[in-house]
């Protein structure tokens, strides 16, 4: 009875082969899932650029109603860098504004920065005063 009890206690652990096999399976699953997850993250971060561009466009239109001209990003009250560019909330995109005072025209451009630069399909987004939207490479980016 005592030897039977000792044999049961020895068999409760896992072997090195089982451990290595489990690690290999987890590694294979991770290598298959990671690229898809990474692409999903990049696509979901694009919405940050979209919402920031639309928000700034709304600020531009409000400014235009009051002043009869479009404004630079700093005139809109945004916290800008010395080059008058603005970074989105999570620092995935840098937004610049091209404003032509004579023609009552503006173009907002969001460019991927930081980790979002790995999103090679959609590096830049633009939005103009007439609502025209464009992207660096694919229409589906918007």
C-alpha atoms as a PDB file:
ATOM      1  CA  UNK A   1       0.000   0.000   0.000  1.00  0.00           C
ATOM      2  CA  UNK A   2       2.875   2.399   0.795  1.00  0.00           C
ATOM      3  CA  UNK A   3       4.635   1.784  -2.553  1.00  0.00           C
ATOM      4  CA  UNK A   4       1.382   2.357  -4.438  1.00  0.00           C
ATOM      5  CA  UNK A   5       1.018   5.716  -2.648  1.00  0.00           C
ATOM      6  CA  UNK A   6       4.603   6.703  -3.578  1.00  0.00           C
ATOM      7  CA  UNK A   7       3.996   5.856  -7.265  1.00  0.00           C
ATOM      8  CA  UNK A   8       0.915   8.094  -7.341  1.00  0.00           C
ATOM      9  CA  UNK A   9       2.848  11.006  -5.864  1.00  0.00           C
ATOM     10  CA  UNK A  10       5.576  10.677  -8.513  1.00  0.00           C
ATOM     11  CA  UNK A  11       3.095  10.744 -11.375  1.00  0.00           C
ATOM     12  CA  UNK A  12       1.411  14.029 -10.388  1.00  0.00           C
ATOM     13  CA  UNK A  13       4.008  16.318 -12.026  1.00  0.00           C
ATOM     14  CA  UNK A  14       4.563  17.001 -15.712  1.00  0.00           C
ATOM     15  CA  UNK A  15       7.484  15.726 -17.720  1.00  0.00           C
ATOM     16  CA  UNK A  16       9.993  17.859 -19.571  1.00  0.00           C
ATOM     17  CA  UNK A  17       8.660  16.554 -22.889  1.00  0.00           C
ATOM     18  CA  UNK A  18       5.139  17.690 -22.032  1.00  0.00           C
ATOM     19  CA  UNK A  19       6.429  21.112 -21.019  1.00  0.00           C
ATOM     20  CA  UNK A  20       8.467  21.559 -24.223  1.00  0.00           C
ATOM     21  CA  UNK A  21       5.526  20.394 -26.337  1.00  0.00           C
ATOM     22  CA  UNK A  22       3.233  22.922 -24.660  1.00  0.00           C
ATOM     23  CA  UNK A  23       5.737  25.742 -25.231  1.00  0.00           C
ATOM     24  CA  UNK A  24       6.082  24.803 -28.911  1.00  0.00           C
ATOM     25  CA  UNK A  25       2.303  24.783 -29.409  1.00  0.00           C
ATOM     26  CA  UNK A  26       1.922  28.178 -27.718  1.00  0.00           C
ATOM     27  CA  UNK A  27       4.757  29.548 -29.870  1.00  0.00           C
ATOM     28  CA  UNK A  28       3.147  28.334 -33.087  1.00  0.00           C
ATOM     29  CA  UNK A  29      -0.242  29.767 -32.121  1.00  0.00           C
ATOM     30  CA  UNK A  30       1.365  33.093 -31.183  1.00  0.00           C
ATOM     31  CA  UNK A  31       3.264  33.354 -34.455  1.00  0.00           C
ATOM     32  CA  UNK A  32       0.045  32.798 -36.387  1.00  0.00           C
ATOM     33  CA  UNK A  33      -2.096  35.180 -34.309  1.00  0.00           C
ATOM     34  CA  UNK A  34       0.310  38.111 -33.822  1.00  0.00           C
ATOM     35  CA  UNK A  35       0.346  39.495 -37.400  1.00  0.00           C
ATOM     36  CA  UNK A  36      -3.453  39.534 -37.539  1.00  0.00           C
ATOM     37  CA  UNK A  37      -3.668  41.212 -34.152  1.00  0.00           C
ATOM     38  CA  UNK A  38      -1.059  43.787 -35.146  1.00  0.00           C
ATOM     39  CA  UNK A  39      -2.966  44.645 -38.324  1.00  0.00           C
ATOM     40  CA  UNK A  40      -6.201  44.934 -36.344  1.00  0.00           C
ATOM     41  CA  UNK A  41      -4.539  47.401 -33.940  1.00  0.00           C
ATOM     42  CA  UNK A  42      -3.267  49.549 -36.805  1.00  0.00           C
ATOM     43  CA  UNK A  43      -6.710  49.654 -38.407  1.00  0.00           C
ATOM     44  CA  UNK A  44      -8.397  50.566 -35.138  1.00  0.00           C
ATOM     45  CA  UNK A  45      -5.908  53.407 -34.539  1.00  0.00           C
ATOM     46  CA  UNK A  46      -6.898  54.991 -37.859  1.00  0.00           C
ATOM     47  CA  UNK A  47     -10.137  56.116 -36.234  1.00  0.00           C
ATOM     48  CA  UNK A  48      -8.059  58.437 -34.041  1.00  0.00           C
ATOM     49  CA  UNK A  49      -6.881  60.285 -37.146  1.00  0.00           C
ATOM     50  CA  UNK A  50     -10.386  60.379 -38.598  1.00  0.00           C
ATOM     51  CA  UNK A  51     -12.010  61.790 -35.491  1.00  0.00           C
ATOM     52  CA  UNK A  52      -9.238  64.360 -34.956  1.00  0.00           C
ATOM     53  CA  UNK A  53      -9.502  65.577 -38.558  1.00  0.00           C
ATOM     54  CA  UNK A  54     -13.289  65.892 -38.312  1.00  0.00           C
ATOM     55  CA  UNK A  55     -13.044  67.669 -34.955  1.00  0.00           C
ATOM     56  CA  UNK A  56     -10.526  70.183 -36.337  1.00  0.00           C
ATOM     57  CA  UNK A  57     -12.648  70.672 -39.462  1.00  0.00           C
ATOM     58  CA  UNK A  58     -15.597  71.538 -37.203  1.00  0.00           C
ATOM     59  CA  UNK A  59     -13.418  74.026 -35.321  1.00  0.00           C
ATOM     60  CA  UNK A  60     -12.344  75.550 -38.648  1.00  0.00           C
ATOM     61  CA  UNK A  61     -15.946  76.014 -39.783  1.00  0.00           C
ATOM     62  CA  UNK A  62     -16.909  77.570 -36.472  1.00  0.00           C
ATOM     63  CA  UNK A  63     -13.929  79.939 -36.709  1.00  0.00           C
ATOM     64  CA  UNK A  64     -14.871  80.789 -40.303  1.00  0.00           C
ATOM     65  CA  UNK A  65     -18.412  81.733 -39.285  1.00  0.00           C
ATOM     66  CA  UNK A  66     -17.068  84.232 -36.775  1.00  0.00           C
ATOM     67  CA  UNK A  67     -13.986  85.610 -38.563  1.00  0.00           C
ATOM     68  CA  UNK A  68     -14.737  84.986 -42.269  1.00  0.00           C
ATOM     69  CA  UNK A  69     -11.447  83.140 -42.689  1.00  0.00           C
ATOM     70  CA  UNK A  70      -9.878  79.844 -41.726  1.00  0.00           C
ATOM     71  CA  UNK A  71      -7.315  79.607 -38.946  1.00  0.00           C
ATOM     72  CA  UNK A  72      -4.031  77.966 -38.097  1.00  0.00           C
ATOM     73  CA  UNK A  73      -4.163  75.143 -35.588  1.00  0.00           C
ATOM     74  CA  UNK A  74      -2.867  77.346 -32.780  1.00  0.00           C
ATOM     75  CA  UNK A  75      -5.540  79.968 -33.516  1.00  0.00           C
ATOM     76  CA  UNK A  76      -8.123  77.240 -33.030  1.00  0.00           C
ATOM     77  CA  UNK A  77      -6.905  76.812 -29.455  1.00  0.00           C
ATOM     78  CA  UNK A  78      -5.111  73.516 -30.002  1.00  0.00           C
ATOM     79  CA  UNK A  79      -1.886  72.772 -28.179  1.00  0.00           C
ATOM     80  CA  UNK A  80       0.599  72.811 -31.057  1.00  0.00           C
ATOM     81  CA  UNK A  81       4.305  72.314 -31.573  1.00  0.00           C
ATOM     82  CA  UNK A  82       6.557  75.170 -32.789  1.00  0.00           C
ATOM     83  CA  UNK A  83       5.944  74.060 -36.400  1.00  0.00           C
ATOM     84  CA  UNK A  84       2.198  74.586 -35.767  1.00  0.00           C
ATOM     85  CA  UNK A  85       1.436  70.856 -35.928  1.00  0.00           C
ATOM     86  CA  UNK A  86      -0.828  68.995 -33.553  1.00  0.00           C
ATOM     87  CA  UNK A  87      -0.488  65.448 -32.219  1.00  0.00           C
ATOM     88  CA  UNK A  88      -3.554  63.287 -31.681  1.00  0.00           C
ATOM     89  CA  UNK A  89      -4.552  62.094 -28.243  1.00  0.00           C
ATOM     90  CA  UNK A  90      -2.519  58.862 -28.207  1.00  0.00           C
ATOM     91  CA  UNK A  91       0.360  60.172 -30.356  1.00  0.00           C
ATOM     92  CA  UNK A  92      -0.379  57.979 -33.365  1.00  0.00           C
ATOM     93  CA  UNK A  93      -0.799  60.851 -35.854  1.00  0.00           C
ATOM     94  CA  UNK A  94       0.585  64.349 -36.370  1.00  0.00           C
ATOM     95  CA  UNK A  95      -1.839  66.816 -37.948  1.00  0.00           C
ATOM     96  CA  UNK A  96      -0.833  69.818 -40.019  1.00  0.00           C
ATOM     97  CA  UNK A  97      -3.008  72.481 -41.595  1.00  0.00           C
ATOM     98  CA  UNK A  98      -2.440  74.307 -44.858  1.00  0.00           C
ATOM     99  CA  UNK A  99      -4.529  77.474 -44.851  1.00  0.00           C
ATOM    100  CA  UNK A 100      -4.935  79.869 -47.785  1.00  0.00           C
ATOM    101  CA  UNK A 101      -6.532  83.048 -46.469  1.00  0.00           C
ATOM    102  CA  UNK A 102      -7.241  84.548 -49.908  1.00  0.00           C
ATOM    103  CA  UNK A 103      -8.999  81.513 -51.325  1.00  0.00           C
ATOM    104  CA  UNK A 104     -10.805  80.548 -48.126  1.00  0.00           C
ATOM    105  CA  UNK A 105      -9.236  77.114 -48.310  1.00  0.00           C
ATOM    106  CA  UNK A 106      -7.752  74.663 -45.829  1.00  0.00           C
ATOM    107  CA  UNK A 107      -6.292  71.189 -46.032  1.00  0.00           C
ATOM    108  CA  UNK A 108      -5.811  69.114 -42.906  1.00  0.00           C
ATOM    109  CA  UNK A 109      -3.288  66.290 -43.132  1.00  0.00           C
ATOM    110  CA  UNK A 110      -2.807  63.523 -40.576  1.00  0.00           C
ATOM    111  CA  UNK A 111       0.472  61.608 -40.884  1.00  0.00           C
ATOM    112  CA  UNK A 112       1.251  58.423 -38.972  1.00  0.00           C
ATOM    113  CA  UNK A 113       3.978  58.718 -36.326  1.00  0.00           C
ATOM    114  CA  UNK A 114       5.513  56.412 -33.747  1.00  0.00           C
ATOM    115  CA  UNK A 115       4.326  52.821 -33.794  1.00  0.00           C
ATOM    116  CA  UNK A 116       1.582  53.663 -36.283  1.00  0.00           C
ATOM    117  CA  UNK A 117       4.185  54.110 -39.030  1.00  0.00           C
ATOM    118  CA  UNK A 118       4.095  50.316 -39.393  1.00  0.00           C
ATOM    119  CA  UNK A 119       0.657  50.782 -40.982  1.00  0.00           C
ATOM    120  CA  UNK A 120       2.077  50.912 -44.495  1.00  0.00           C
ATOM    121  CA  UNK A 121      -1.345  50.886 -46.176  1.00  0.00           C
ATOM    122  CA  UNK A 122      -2.580  54.142 -44.697  1.00  0.00           C
ATOM    123  CA  UNK A 123       0.220  56.557 -43.776  1.00  0.00           C
ATOM    124  CA  UNK A 124      -1.622  59.850 -44.395  1.00  0.00           C
ATOM    125  CA  UNK A 125      -5.176  61.149 -44.442  1.00  0.00           C
ATOM    126  CA  UNK A 126      -6.341  64.517 -45.751  1.00  0.00           C
ATOM    127  CA  UNK A 127      -9.528  66.480 -45.341  1.00  0.00           C
ATOM    128  CA  UNK A 128     -10.322  69.788 -47.069  1.00  0.00           C
ATOM    129  CA  UNK A 129     -12.825  72.571 -46.479  1.00  0.00           C
ATOM    130  CA  UNK A 130     -15.236  71.111 -49.048  1.00  0.00           C
ATOM    131  CA  UNK A 131     -15.270  67.741 -47.258  1.00  0.00           C
ATOM    132  CA  UNK A 132     -12.986  65.962 -49.731  1.00  0.00           C
ATOM    133  CA  UNK A 133     -11.212  63.036 -48.140  1.00  0.00           C
ATOM    134  CA  UNK A 134      -8.080  61.371 -49.417  1.00  0.00           C
ATOM    135  CA  UNK A 135      -5.567  58.838 -48.222  1.00  0.00           C
ATOM    136  CA  UNK A 136      -1.990  58.023 -49.120  1.00  0.00           C
ATOM    137  CA  UNK A 137      -2.695  54.777 -50.896  1.00  0.00           C
ATOM    138  CA  UNK A 138      -6.132  53.239 -50.454  1.00  0.00           C
ATOM    139  CA  UNK A 139      -9.648  54.602 -50.598  1.00  0.00           C
ATOM    140  CA  UNK A 140     -10.672  52.082 -47.968  1.00  0.00           C
ATOM    141  CA  UNK A 141      -8.470  53.856 -45.409  1.00  0.00           C
ATOM    142  CA  UNK A 142     -11.225  56.378 -44.781  1.00  0.00           C
END
